[in-house]
Amino acid sequence: DGTPPGSDLDGFVTKVRTDTGAFAGGERFDAVAGSFLNTHSERIASNPGQDEIVTGVCAKPLRTVGDQDRTEHVYVVGGTSARLPAIPPGTRDGGFESSFGKTEDGRKVFEAFLMKIDLDTMNVLWTVQVGAVPSPGLPKDSGRRTAFGYGCAVTSDGRDVYLTGIVRDGGVATDFSA
């Protein structure tokens, strides 16, 4: 994958104003938490020593005629070598977590991800991870395969989003849910 050993790459999404090039949003002080709330950027990170690489973003298409919708969310696509926040309950258990890691030849195993982010708060609303298993005909114990997300598209009604990507070494995409 071209990543140096021991790296810790994290992805990000940042809002920038198109008219001035300045960051959109800002930082507000949260008196309860005693910290600043960042409303212009979201860091996409899992665990130290793991990698998250962002490769694309998409949003619901706006109407070309009539009253315009407001873009409220974006969908971020990429690959991760660990479990990301906001995964729906029941899709990752302890056995899954302990088996995540590297292939037999030492390469990191990546999963594709699709993450929905609220544009007002830059908070992650949900995340879906798609991994890969060996194709039928390959030994079942030959380990997990890499899946990497590269693009997405949202239907005009906003009800569905499509994730595109690649799998390595004869893999078949799966979400590993029950």
N, C-alpha and C. Protein backbone atom coordinates (compact mmCIF):
# COMPACT_ATOMS: atom_id res chain seq x y z
N ASP A 1 0.81 -1.20 0.00
CA ASP A 1 0.00 0.00 0.00
C ASP A 1 0.85 1.26 0.00
N GLY A 2 2.16 1.17 0.09
CA GLY A 2 3.02 2.34 0.01
C GLY A 2 3.16 3.12 1.29
N THR A 3 2.53 2.67 2.37
CA THR A 3 2.58 3.38 3.65
C THR A 3 3.80 2.95 4.44
N PRO A 4 4.57 3.89 4.99
CA PRO A 4 5.74 3.51 5.78
C PRO A 4 5.33 2.69 7.01
N PRO A 5 6.17 1.70 7.40
CA PRO A 5 5.84 0.92 8.60
C PRO A 5 5.71 1.81 9.82
N GLY A 6 4.75 1.47 10.68
CA GLY A 6 4.57 2.22 11.92
C GLY A 6 3.92 3.57 11.74
N SER A 7 3.32 3.83 10.58
CA SER A 7 2.71 5.13 10.35
C SER A 7 1.38 5.24 11.09
N ASP A 8 0.88 6.44 11.20
CA ASP A 8 -0.40 6.71 11.85
C ASP A 8 -1.07 7.82 11.05
N LEU A 9 -1.63 7.46 9.89
CA LEU A 9 -2.27 8.44 9.03
C LEU A 9 -3.73 8.60 9.44
N ASP A 10 -4.19 9.83 9.57
CA ASP A 10 -5.58 10.13 9.85
C ASP A 10 -6.11 11.02 8.73
N GLY A 11 -7.36 10.79 8.35
CA GLY A 11 -7.99 11.61 7.33
C GLY A 11 -8.67 12.82 7.95
N PHE A 12 -9.17 13.72 7.09
CA PHE A 12 -9.92 14.86 7.60
C PHE A 12 -10.84 15.39 6.51
N VAL A 13 -11.86 16.12 6.95
CA VAL A 13 -12.75 16.88 6.07
C VAL A 13 -12.82 18.27 6.69
N THR A 14 -12.59 19.30 5.87
CA THR A 14 -12.60 20.68 6.35
C THR A 14 -13.47 21.53 5.44
N LYS A 15 -14.30 22.39 6.04
CA LYS A 15 -15.12 23.34 5.27
C LYS A 15 -14.30 24.60 5.02
N VAL A 16 -14.28 25.03 3.75
CA VAL A 16 -13.58 26.25 3.35
C VAL A 16 -14.54 27.10 2.54
N ARG A 17 -14.58 28.40 2.81
CA ARG A 17 -15.47 29.30 2.08
C ARG A 17 -14.96 29.47 0.66
N THR A 18 -15.87 29.36 -0.31
CA THR A 18 -15.47 29.47 -1.71
C THR A 18 -15.16 30.91 -2.12
N ASP A 19 -15.74 31.90 -1.43
CA ASP A 19 -15.51 33.29 -1.82
C ASP A 19 -14.21 33.87 -1.27
N THR A 20 -13.76 33.38 -0.10
CA THR A 20 -12.57 33.97 0.53
C THR A 20 -11.43 32.97 0.76
N GLY A 21 -11.73 31.67 0.73
CA GLY A 21 -10.71 30.67 1.04
C GLY A 21 -10.49 30.50 2.54
N ALA A 22 -11.28 31.18 3.36
CA ALA A 22 -11.16 31.07 4.82
C ALA A 22 -11.91 29.83 5.30
N PHE A 23 -11.51 29.33 6.47
CA PHE A 23 -12.25 28.22 7.06
C PHE A 23 -13.67 28.66 7.34
N ALA A 24 -14.64 27.81 7.00
CA ALA A 24 -16.04 28.07 7.29
C ALA A 24 -16.36 27.46 8.64
N GLY A 25 -17.26 28.04 9.38
CA GLY A 25 -17.54 27.54 10.73
C GLY A 25 -16.65 28.26 11.70
N GLY A 26 -16.09 27.54 12.61
CA GLY A 26 -15.20 28.15 13.58
C GLY A 26 -15.06 27.28 14.80
N GLU A 27 -14.63 27.89 15.87
CA GLU A 27 -14.50 27.18 17.13
C GLU A 27 -15.30 27.94 18.17
N ARG A 28 -16.13 27.19 18.88
CA ARG A 28 -16.93 27.78 19.95
C ARG A 28 -16.50 27.13 21.26
N PHE A 29 -16.50 27.90 22.32
CA PHE A 29 -16.12 27.37 23.62
C PHE A 29 -17.31 26.70 24.28
N ASP A 30 -17.13 25.45 24.71
CA ASP A 30 -18.15 24.70 25.44
C ASP A 30 -17.82 24.80 26.92
N ALA A 31 -18.59 25.60 27.65
CA ALA A 31 -18.31 25.84 29.07
C ALA A 31 -18.47 24.58 29.91
N VAL A 32 -19.38 23.69 29.52
CA VAL A 32 -19.60 22.45 30.28
C VAL A 32 -18.40 21.53 30.16
N ALA A 33 -17.93 21.32 28.93
CA ALA A 33 -16.79 20.43 28.70
C ALA A 33 -15.46 21.13 28.96
N GLY A 34 -15.49 22.46 28.96
CA GLY A 34 -14.25 23.21 29.18
C GLY A 34 -13.31 23.13 27.99
N SER A 35 -13.87 23.01 26.78
CA SER A 35 -13.02 22.92 25.60
C SER A 35 -13.70 23.61 24.42
N PHE A 36 -12.93 23.76 23.34
CA PHE A 36 -13.47 24.37 22.14
C PHE A 36 -14.13 23.32 21.26
N LEU A 37 -15.26 23.69 20.65
CA LEU A 37 -15.94 22.84 19.68
C LEU A 37 -15.55 23.31 18.29
N ASN A 38 -14.97 22.45 17.52
CA ASN A 38 -14.55 22.75 16.16
C ASN A 38 -15.73 22.51 15.24
N THR A 39 -16.17 23.52 14.51
CA THR A 39 -17.31 23.36 13.59
C THR A 39 -16.89 23.53 12.14
N HIS A 40 -15.60 23.46 11.83
CA HIS A 40 -15.17 23.58 10.44
C HIS A 40 -14.39 22.37 9.96
N SER A 41 -14.04 21.44 10.83
CA SER A 41 -13.22 20.32 10.40
C SER A 41 -13.53 19.08 11.23
N GLU A 42 -13.41 17.92 10.61
CA GLU A 42 -13.58 16.65 11.30
C GLU A 42 -12.37 15.76 11.00
N ARG A 43 -11.70 15.32 12.05
CA ARG A 43 -10.59 14.39 11.91
C ARG A 43 -11.16 12.98 11.90
N ILE A 44 -10.74 12.18 10.95
CA ILE A 44 -11.22 10.81 10.82
C ILE A 44 -10.10 9.91 11.30
N ALA A 45 -10.28 9.39 12.53
CA ALA A 45 -9.21 8.64 13.18
C ALA A 45 -9.78 7.48 13.97
N SER A 46 -8.98 6.43 14.11
CA SER A 46 -9.37 5.28 14.94
C SER A 46 -8.41 5.16 16.11
N ASN A 47 -7.47 4.25 16.01
CA ASN A 47 -6.53 4.00 17.11
C ASN A 47 -5.12 4.43 16.72
N PRO A 48 -4.29 4.78 17.71
CA PRO A 48 -2.90 5.12 17.40
C PRO A 48 -2.22 3.97 16.64
N GLY A 49 -1.41 4.33 15.65
CA GLY A 49 -0.71 3.33 14.86
C GLY A 49 -1.50 2.76 13.71
N GLN A 50 -2.77 3.16 13.58
CA GLN A 50 -3.62 2.69 12.48
C GLN A 50 -3.79 3.82 11.47
N ASP A 51 -4.24 3.47 10.28
CA ASP A 51 -4.34 4.44 9.20
C ASP A 51 -5.77 4.62 8.72
N GLU A 52 -6.14 5.87 8.46
CA GLU A 52 -7.40 6.22 7.83
C GLU A 52 -7.07 7.16 6.68
N ILE A 53 -7.46 6.75 5.48
CA ILE A 53 -7.14 7.52 4.29
C ILE A 53 -8.45 7.91 3.61
N VAL A 54 -8.68 9.20 3.44
CA VAL A 54 -9.89 9.72 2.79
C VAL A 54 -9.60 9.83 1.30
N THR A 55 -10.51 9.30 0.47
CA THR A 55 -10.32 9.35 -0.97
C THR A 55 -11.42 10.11 -1.71
N GLY A 56 -12.53 10.40 -1.03
CA GLY A 56 -13.60 11.10 -1.74
C GLY A 56 -14.70 11.57 -0.82
N VAL A 57 -15.57 12.40 -1.37
CA VAL A 57 -16.72 12.93 -0.65
C VAL A 57 -17.85 13.12 -1.65
N CYS A 58 -19.08 12.93 -1.20
CA CYS A 58 -20.23 13.19 -2.07
C CYS A 58 -21.38 13.73 -1.24
N ALA A 59 -22.37 14.29 -1.90
CA ALA A 59 -23.55 14.85 -1.23
C ALA A 59 -24.76 14.64 -2.12
N LYS A 60 -25.93 14.79 -1.53
CA LYS A 60 -27.17 14.69 -2.29
C LYS A 60 -27.19 15.79 -3.34
N PRO A 61 -27.52 15.45 -4.59
CA PRO A 61 -27.59 16.50 -5.62
C PRO A 61 -28.68 17.51 -5.30
N LEU A 62 -28.40 18.78 -5.57
CA LEU A 62 -29.39 19.83 -5.36
C LEU A 62 -30.31 19.93 -6.56
N ARG A 63 -31.50 20.46 -6.34
CA ARG A 63 -32.46 20.65 -7.44
C ARG A 63 -31.93 21.69 -8.42
N THR A 64 -32.24 21.49 -9.68
CA THR A 64 -31.82 22.46 -10.69
C THR A 64 -32.90 23.51 -10.96
N VAL A 65 -34.14 23.21 -10.54
CA VAL A 65 -35.23 24.18 -10.71
C VAL A 65 -36.03 24.25 -9.42
N GLY A 66 -36.75 25.35 -9.24
CA GLY A 66 -37.59 25.49 -8.06
C GLY A 66 -36.79 25.85 -6.82
N ASP A 67 -37.42 25.65 -5.67
CA ASP A 67 -36.78 25.96 -4.40
C ASP A 67 -35.56 25.05 -4.19
N GLN A 68 -34.47 25.66 -3.84
CA GLN A 68 -33.23 24.90 -3.63
C GLN A 68 -33.21 24.24 -2.26
N ASP A 69 -32.72 23.02 -2.24
CA ASP A 69 -32.46 22.34 -0.97
C ASP A 69 -31.20 22.92 -0.37
N ARG A 70 -30.99 22.63 0.88
CA ARG A 70 -29.75 22.99 1.56
C ARG A 70 -28.97 21.70 1.76
N THR A 71 -27.68 21.72 1.46
CA THR A 71 -26.85 20.54 1.70
C THR A 71 -26.60 20.45 3.19
N GLU A 72 -27.11 19.39 3.82
CA GLU A 72 -27.00 19.22 5.26
C GLU A 72 -25.94 18.21 5.67
N HIS A 73 -25.63 17.27 4.77
CA HIS A 73 -24.70 16.21 5.11
C HIS A 73 -23.76 15.94 3.94
N VAL A 74 -22.59 15.43 4.24
CA VAL A 74 -21.71 14.88 3.22
C VAL A 74 -21.37 13.46 3.62
N TYR A 75 -21.01 12.67 2.63
CA TYR A 75 -20.59 11.30 2.83
C TYR A 75 -19.12 11.22 2.45
N VAL A 76 -18.31 10.73 3.37
CA VAL A 76 -16.87 10.64 3.18
C VAL A 76 -16.50 9.18 2.95
N VAL A 77 -15.60 8.95 2.01
CA VAL A 77 -15.20 7.61 1.59
C VAL A 77 -13.70 7.45 1.75
N GLY A 78 -13.27 6.22 2.06
CA GLY A 78 -11.85 5.94 2.11
C GLY A 78 -11.58 4.54 2.59
N GLY A 79 -10.42 4.38 3.24
CA GLY A 79 -10.02 3.09 3.78
C GLY A 79 -9.45 3.25 5.17
N THR A 80 -9.65 2.22 6.01
CA THR A 80 -9.14 2.24 7.38
C THR A 80 -8.53 0.89 7.73
N SER A 81 -7.53 0.92 8.59
CA SER A 81 -6.92 -0.33 9.07
C SER A 81 -7.41 -0.67 10.48
N ALA A 82 -8.51 -0.06 10.92
CA ALA A 82 -9.06 -0.33 12.26
C ALA A 82 -10.56 -0.03 12.26
N ARG A 83 -11.16 -0.10 13.43
CA ARG A 83 -12.59 0.19 13.58
C ARG A 83 -12.76 1.69 13.80
N LEU A 84 -13.66 2.29 13.03
CA LEU A 84 -13.93 3.72 13.15
C LEU A 84 -15.10 3.98 14.09
N PRO A 85 -15.21 5.22 14.61
CA PRO A 85 -16.35 5.56 15.45
C PRO A 85 -17.66 5.53 14.66
N ALA A 86 -18.76 5.40 15.39
CA ALA A 86 -20.13 5.47 14.87
C ALA A 86 -20.51 4.27 14.01
N ILE A 87 -19.89 3.11 14.24
CA ILE A 87 -20.29 1.86 13.59
C ILE A 87 -21.59 1.41 14.25
N PRO A 88 -22.59 0.98 13.48
CA PRO A 88 -23.84 0.53 14.10
C PRO A 88 -23.61 -0.67 15.04
N PRO A 89 -24.33 -0.71 16.15
CA PRO A 89 -24.18 -1.83 17.09
C PRO A 89 -24.44 -3.17 16.40
N GLY A 90 -23.66 -4.18 16.79
CA GLY A 90 -23.87 -5.52 16.27
C GLY A 90 -23.08 -5.87 15.03
N THR A 91 -22.38 -4.90 14.43
CA THR A 91 -21.63 -5.23 13.22
C THR A 91 -20.17 -5.56 13.51
N ARG A 92 -19.71 -5.28 14.69
CA ARG A 92 -18.33 -5.61 15.07
C ARG A 92 -18.36 -6.15 16.50
N ASP A 93 -17.85 -7.37 16.71
CA ASP A 93 -17.79 -7.92 18.05
C ASP A 93 -16.33 -8.12 18.47
N GLY A 94 -16.11 -8.65 19.67
CA GLY A 94 -14.76 -8.85 20.18
C GLY A 94 -13.92 -9.76 19.30
N GLY A 95 -14.53 -10.84 18.77
CA GLY A 95 -13.82 -11.75 17.88
C GLY A 95 -13.36 -11.06 16.61
N PHE A 96 -14.23 -10.21 16.08
CA PHE A 96 -13.86 -9.47 14.89
C PHE A 96 -12.70 -8.54 15.19
N GLU A 97 -12.81 -7.81 16.29
CA GLU A 97 -11.76 -6.85 16.66
C GLU A 97 -10.40 -7.52 16.81
N SER A 98 -10.36 -8.69 17.46
CA SER A 98 -9.08 -9.34 17.70
C SER A 98 -8.49 -9.93 16.42
N SER A 99 -9.32 -10.19 15.40
CA SER A 99 -8.80 -10.77 14.17
C SER A 99 -8.37 -9.73 13.15
N PHE A 100 -8.68 -8.46 13.40
CA PHE A 100 -8.32 -7.40 12.46
C PHE A 100 -6.81 -7.20 12.53
N GLY A 101 -6.17 -6.97 11.42
CA GLY A 101 -4.73 -6.75 11.50
C GLY A 101 -4.04 -6.80 10.17
N LYS A 102 -3.16 -7.79 10.03
CA LYS A 102 -2.32 -7.87 8.84
C LYS A 102 -2.53 -9.19 8.13
N THR A 103 -2.16 -9.22 6.86
CA THR A 103 -2.22 -10.45 6.09
C THR A 103 -1.02 -11.31 6.45
N GLU A 104 -1.00 -12.54 5.94
CA GLU A 104 0.10 -13.45 6.24
C GLU A 104 1.45 -12.90 5.79
N ASP A 105 1.47 -12.09 4.72
CA ASP A 105 2.75 -11.53 4.25
C ASP A 105 3.08 -10.19 4.91
N GLY A 106 2.33 -9.81 5.97
CA GLY A 106 2.66 -8.63 6.77
C GLY A 106 2.02 -7.34 6.31
N ARG A 107 1.28 -7.35 5.21
CA ARG A 107 0.61 -6.11 4.76
C ARG A 107 -0.58 -5.81 5.66
N LYS A 108 -0.85 -4.52 5.88
CA LYS A 108 -2.04 -4.13 6.64
C LYS A 108 -3.28 -4.50 5.86
N VAL A 109 -4.31 -4.91 6.59
CA VAL A 109 -5.62 -5.17 6.00
C VAL A 109 -6.44 -3.90 6.16
N PHE A 110 -7.00 -3.41 5.07
CA PHE A 110 -7.84 -2.23 5.10
C PHE A 110 -9.29 -2.61 4.83
N GLU A 111 -10.20 -1.82 5.37
CA GLU A 111 -11.61 -1.91 5.03
C GLU A 111 -12.04 -0.58 4.44
N ALA A 112 -12.92 -0.65 3.45
CA ALA A 112 -13.53 0.56 2.91
C ALA A 112 -14.46 1.15 3.97
N PHE A 113 -14.62 2.46 3.95
CA PHE A 113 -15.60 3.05 4.85
C PHE A 113 -16.41 4.12 4.13
N LEU A 114 -17.62 4.31 4.62
CA LEU A 114 -18.53 5.37 4.20
C LEU A 114 -19.04 6.00 5.48
N MET A 115 -18.85 7.30 5.62
CA MET A 115 -19.16 8.01 6.86
C MET A 115 -20.06 9.20 6.54
N LYS A 116 -21.16 9.36 7.28
CA LYS A 116 -22.07 10.49 7.10
C LYS A 116 -21.72 11.56 8.13
N ILE A 117 -21.49 12.80 7.65
CA ILE A 117 -21.10 13.91 8.52
C ILE A 117 -22.11 15.05 8.39
N ASP A 118 -22.56 15.57 9.53
CA ASP A 118 -23.45 16.73 9.59
C ASP A 118 -22.63 17.98 9.31
N LEU A 119 -23.04 18.78 8.34
CA LEU A 119 -22.24 19.95 7.96
C LEU A 119 -22.33 21.10 8.95
N ASP A 120 -23.40 21.19 9.73
CA ASP A 120 -23.49 22.27 10.71
C ASP A 120 -22.53 22.06 11.87
N THR A 121 -22.42 20.83 12.33
CA THR A 121 -21.61 20.53 13.52
C THR A 121 -20.30 19.82 13.20
N MET A 122 -20.19 19.27 12.00
CA MET A 122 -19.06 18.43 11.57
C MET A 122 -18.97 17.17 12.44
N ASN A 123 -20.09 16.72 13.00
CA ASN A 123 -20.13 15.48 13.78
C ASN A 123 -20.41 14.31 12.87
N VAL A 124 -19.81 13.16 13.19
CA VAL A 124 -20.07 11.92 12.46
C VAL A 124 -21.41 11.37 12.93
N LEU A 125 -22.33 11.12 12.00
CA LEU A 125 -23.65 10.58 12.33
C LEU A 125 -23.66 9.06 12.31
N TRP A 126 -23.00 8.47 11.32
CA TRP A 126 -22.85 7.02 11.27
C TRP A 126 -21.69 6.66 10.35
N THR A 127 -21.21 5.44 10.50
CA THR A 127 -20.12 4.92 9.68
C THR A 127 -20.45 3.48 9.29
N VAL A 128 -20.16 3.13 8.06
CA VAL A 128 -20.26 1.75 7.58
C VAL A 128 -18.88 1.35 7.11
N GLN A 129 -18.43 0.16 7.51
CA GLN A 129 -17.17 -0.38 7.03
C GLN A 129 -17.45 -1.62 6.21
N VAL A 130 -16.74 -1.75 5.08
CA VAL A 130 -16.89 -2.90 4.19
C VAL A 130 -15.53 -3.54 4.05
N GLY A 131 -15.44 -4.81 4.46
CA GLY A 131 -14.21 -5.56 4.34
C GLY A 131 -14.29 -6.54 3.19
N ALA A 132 -13.34 -7.47 3.15
CA ALA A 132 -13.34 -8.48 2.10
C ALA A 132 -12.87 -9.81 2.67
N VAL A 133 -13.48 -10.86 2.17
CA VAL A 133 -13.12 -12.24 2.52
C VAL A 133 -12.66 -12.94 1.25
N PRO A 134 -11.99 -14.10 1.40
CA PRO A 134 -11.56 -14.83 0.20
C PRO A 134 -12.74 -15.23 -0.69
N SER A 135 -12.55 -15.20 -1.99
CA SER A 135 -13.56 -15.64 -2.94
C SER A 135 -13.83 -17.13 -2.76
N PRO A 136 -15.03 -17.58 -3.15
CA PRO A 136 -15.28 -19.02 -3.13
C PRO A 136 -14.20 -19.73 -3.95
N GLY A 137 -13.74 -20.86 -3.46
CA GLY A 137 -12.67 -21.59 -4.13
C GLY A 137 -11.31 -21.36 -3.51
N LEU A 138 -11.15 -20.24 -2.79
CA LEU A 138 -9.90 -20.00 -2.06
C LEU A 138 -10.06 -20.59 -0.67
N PRO A 139 -8.98 -21.02 -0.04
CA PRO A 139 -9.09 -21.57 1.32
C PRO A 139 -9.72 -20.56 2.27
N LYS A 140 -10.69 -21.00 3.07
CA LYS A 140 -11.39 -20.12 4.01
C LYS A 140 -10.44 -19.54 5.06
N ASP A 141 -9.38 -20.29 5.40
CA ASP A 141 -8.45 -19.81 6.42
C ASP A 141 -7.33 -18.96 5.85
N SER A 142 -7.48 -18.53 4.60
CA SER A 142 -6.40 -17.76 3.98
C SER A 142 -6.43 -16.29 4.37
N GLY A 143 -7.27 -15.91 5.32
CA GLY A 143 -7.23 -14.56 5.89
C GLY A 143 -8.10 -13.56 5.18
N ARG A 144 -8.25 -12.45 5.83
CA ARG A 144 -9.04 -11.35 5.33
C ARG A 144 -8.33 -10.68 4.16
N ARG A 145 -9.10 -10.07 3.30
CA ARG A 145 -8.57 -9.33 2.16
C ARG A 145 -8.83 -7.84 2.37
N THR A 146 -8.10 -7.02 1.63
CA THR A 146 -8.27 -5.58 1.72
C THR A 146 -9.39 -5.11 0.81
N ALA A 147 -10.19 -4.18 1.33
CA ALA A 147 -11.20 -3.46 0.55
C ALA A 147 -10.93 -1.98 0.77
N PHE A 148 -11.05 -1.19 -0.28
CA PHE A 148 -10.75 0.24 -0.17
C PHE A 148 -11.84 1.03 -0.90
N GLY A 149 -12.42 2.02 -0.24
CA GLY A 149 -13.46 2.86 -0.84
C GLY A 149 -12.84 4.00 -1.64
N TYR A 150 -13.38 4.25 -2.84
CA TYR A 150 -12.84 5.31 -3.68
C TYR A 150 -13.85 6.36 -4.11
N GLY A 151 -15.13 6.07 -4.05
CA GLY A 151 -16.11 7.05 -4.50
C GLY A 151 -17.49 6.76 -3.96
N CYS A 152 -18.39 7.73 -4.10
CA CYS A 152 -19.77 7.53 -3.67
C CYS A 152 -20.68 8.43 -4.48
N ALA A 153 -21.96 8.06 -4.49
CA ALA A 153 -22.99 8.85 -5.16
C ALA A 153 -24.28 8.71 -4.36
N VAL A 154 -25.01 9.81 -4.23
CA VAL A 154 -26.27 9.84 -3.50
C VAL A 154 -27.40 9.97 -4.51
N THR A 155 -28.48 9.21 -4.29
CA THR A 155 -29.64 9.31 -5.18
C THR A 155 -30.28 10.69 -5.03
N SER A 156 -31.02 11.11 -6.05
CA SER A 156 -31.60 12.45 -6.04
C SER A 156 -32.60 12.65 -4.91
N ASP A 157 -33.24 11.57 -4.43
CA ASP A 157 -34.17 11.71 -3.31
C ASP A 157 -33.46 11.62 -1.96
N GLY A 158 -32.16 11.34 -1.97
CA GLY A 158 -31.37 11.29 -0.74
C GLY A 158 -31.58 10.04 0.09
N ARG A 159 -32.29 9.05 -0.43
CA ARG A 159 -32.60 7.85 0.36
C ARG A 159 -31.48 6.82 0.35
N ASP A 160 -30.66 6.80 -0.70
CA ASP A 160 -29.60 5.80 -0.81
C ASP A 160 -28.29 6.46 -1.20
N VAL A 161 -27.21 5.84 -0.76
CA VAL A 161 -25.88 6.29 -1.16
C VAL A 161 -25.12 5.04 -1.61
N TYR A 162 -24.39 5.17 -2.69
CA TYR A 162 -23.63 4.05 -3.26
C TYR A 162 -22.15 4.25 -2.98
N LEU A 163 -21.50 3.23 -2.48
CA LEU A 163 -20.07 3.22 -2.20
C LEU A 163 -19.38 2.40 -3.27
N THR A 164 -18.33 2.95 -3.87
CA THR A 164 -17.54 2.20 -4.84
C THR A 164 -16.14 2.02 -4.30
N GLY A 165 -15.46 0.99 -4.78
CA GLY A 165 -14.10 0.75 -4.31
C GLY A 165 -13.47 -0.44 -4.99
N ILE A 166 -12.43 -0.96 -4.36
CA ILE A 166 -11.70 -2.11 -4.89
C ILE A 166 -11.48 -3.13 -3.78
N VAL A 167 -11.27 -4.38 -4.17
CA VAL A 167 -10.84 -5.43 -3.26
C VAL A 167 -9.56 -6.03 -3.82
N ARG A 168 -8.71 -6.54 -2.93
CA ARG A 168 -7.43 -7.12 -3.34
C ARG A 168 -7.44 -8.63 -3.24
N ASP A 169 -6.55 -9.24 -3.99
CA ASP A 169 -6.21 -10.65 -3.84
C ASP A 169 -7.41 -11.59 -3.86
N GLY A 170 -8.30 -11.42 -4.82
CA GLY A 170 -9.44 -12.32 -4.95
C GLY A 170 -10.48 -12.16 -3.88
N GLY A 171 -10.60 -11.00 -3.29
CA GLY A 171 -11.56 -10.78 -2.22
C GLY A 171 -12.98 -10.54 -2.72
N VAL A 172 -13.93 -10.77 -1.83
CA VAL A 172 -15.35 -10.49 -2.06
C VAL A 172 -15.79 -9.54 -0.94
N ALA A 173 -16.41 -8.42 -1.30
CA ALA A 173 -16.81 -7.42 -0.32
C ALA A 173 -17.90 -7.95 0.60
N THR A 174 -17.79 -7.59 1.90
CA THR A 174 -18.79 -7.95 2.89
C THR A 174 -18.77 -6.93 4.02
N ASP A 175 -19.89 -6.81 4.75
CA ASP A 175 -19.91 -5.89 5.89
C ASP A 175 -19.68 -6.63 7.21
N PHE A 176 -19.51 -7.95 7.16
CA PHE A 176 -19.24 -8.80 8.33
C PHE A 176 -20.35 -8.79 9.36
N SER A 177 -21.54 -8.28 9.00
CA SER A 177 -22.62 -8.30 9.97
C SER A 177 -23.26 -9.70 10.00
N ALA A 178 -24.01 -9.96 11.06
CA ALA A 178 -24.61 -11.29 11.23
C ALA A 178 -25.71 -11.54 10.23
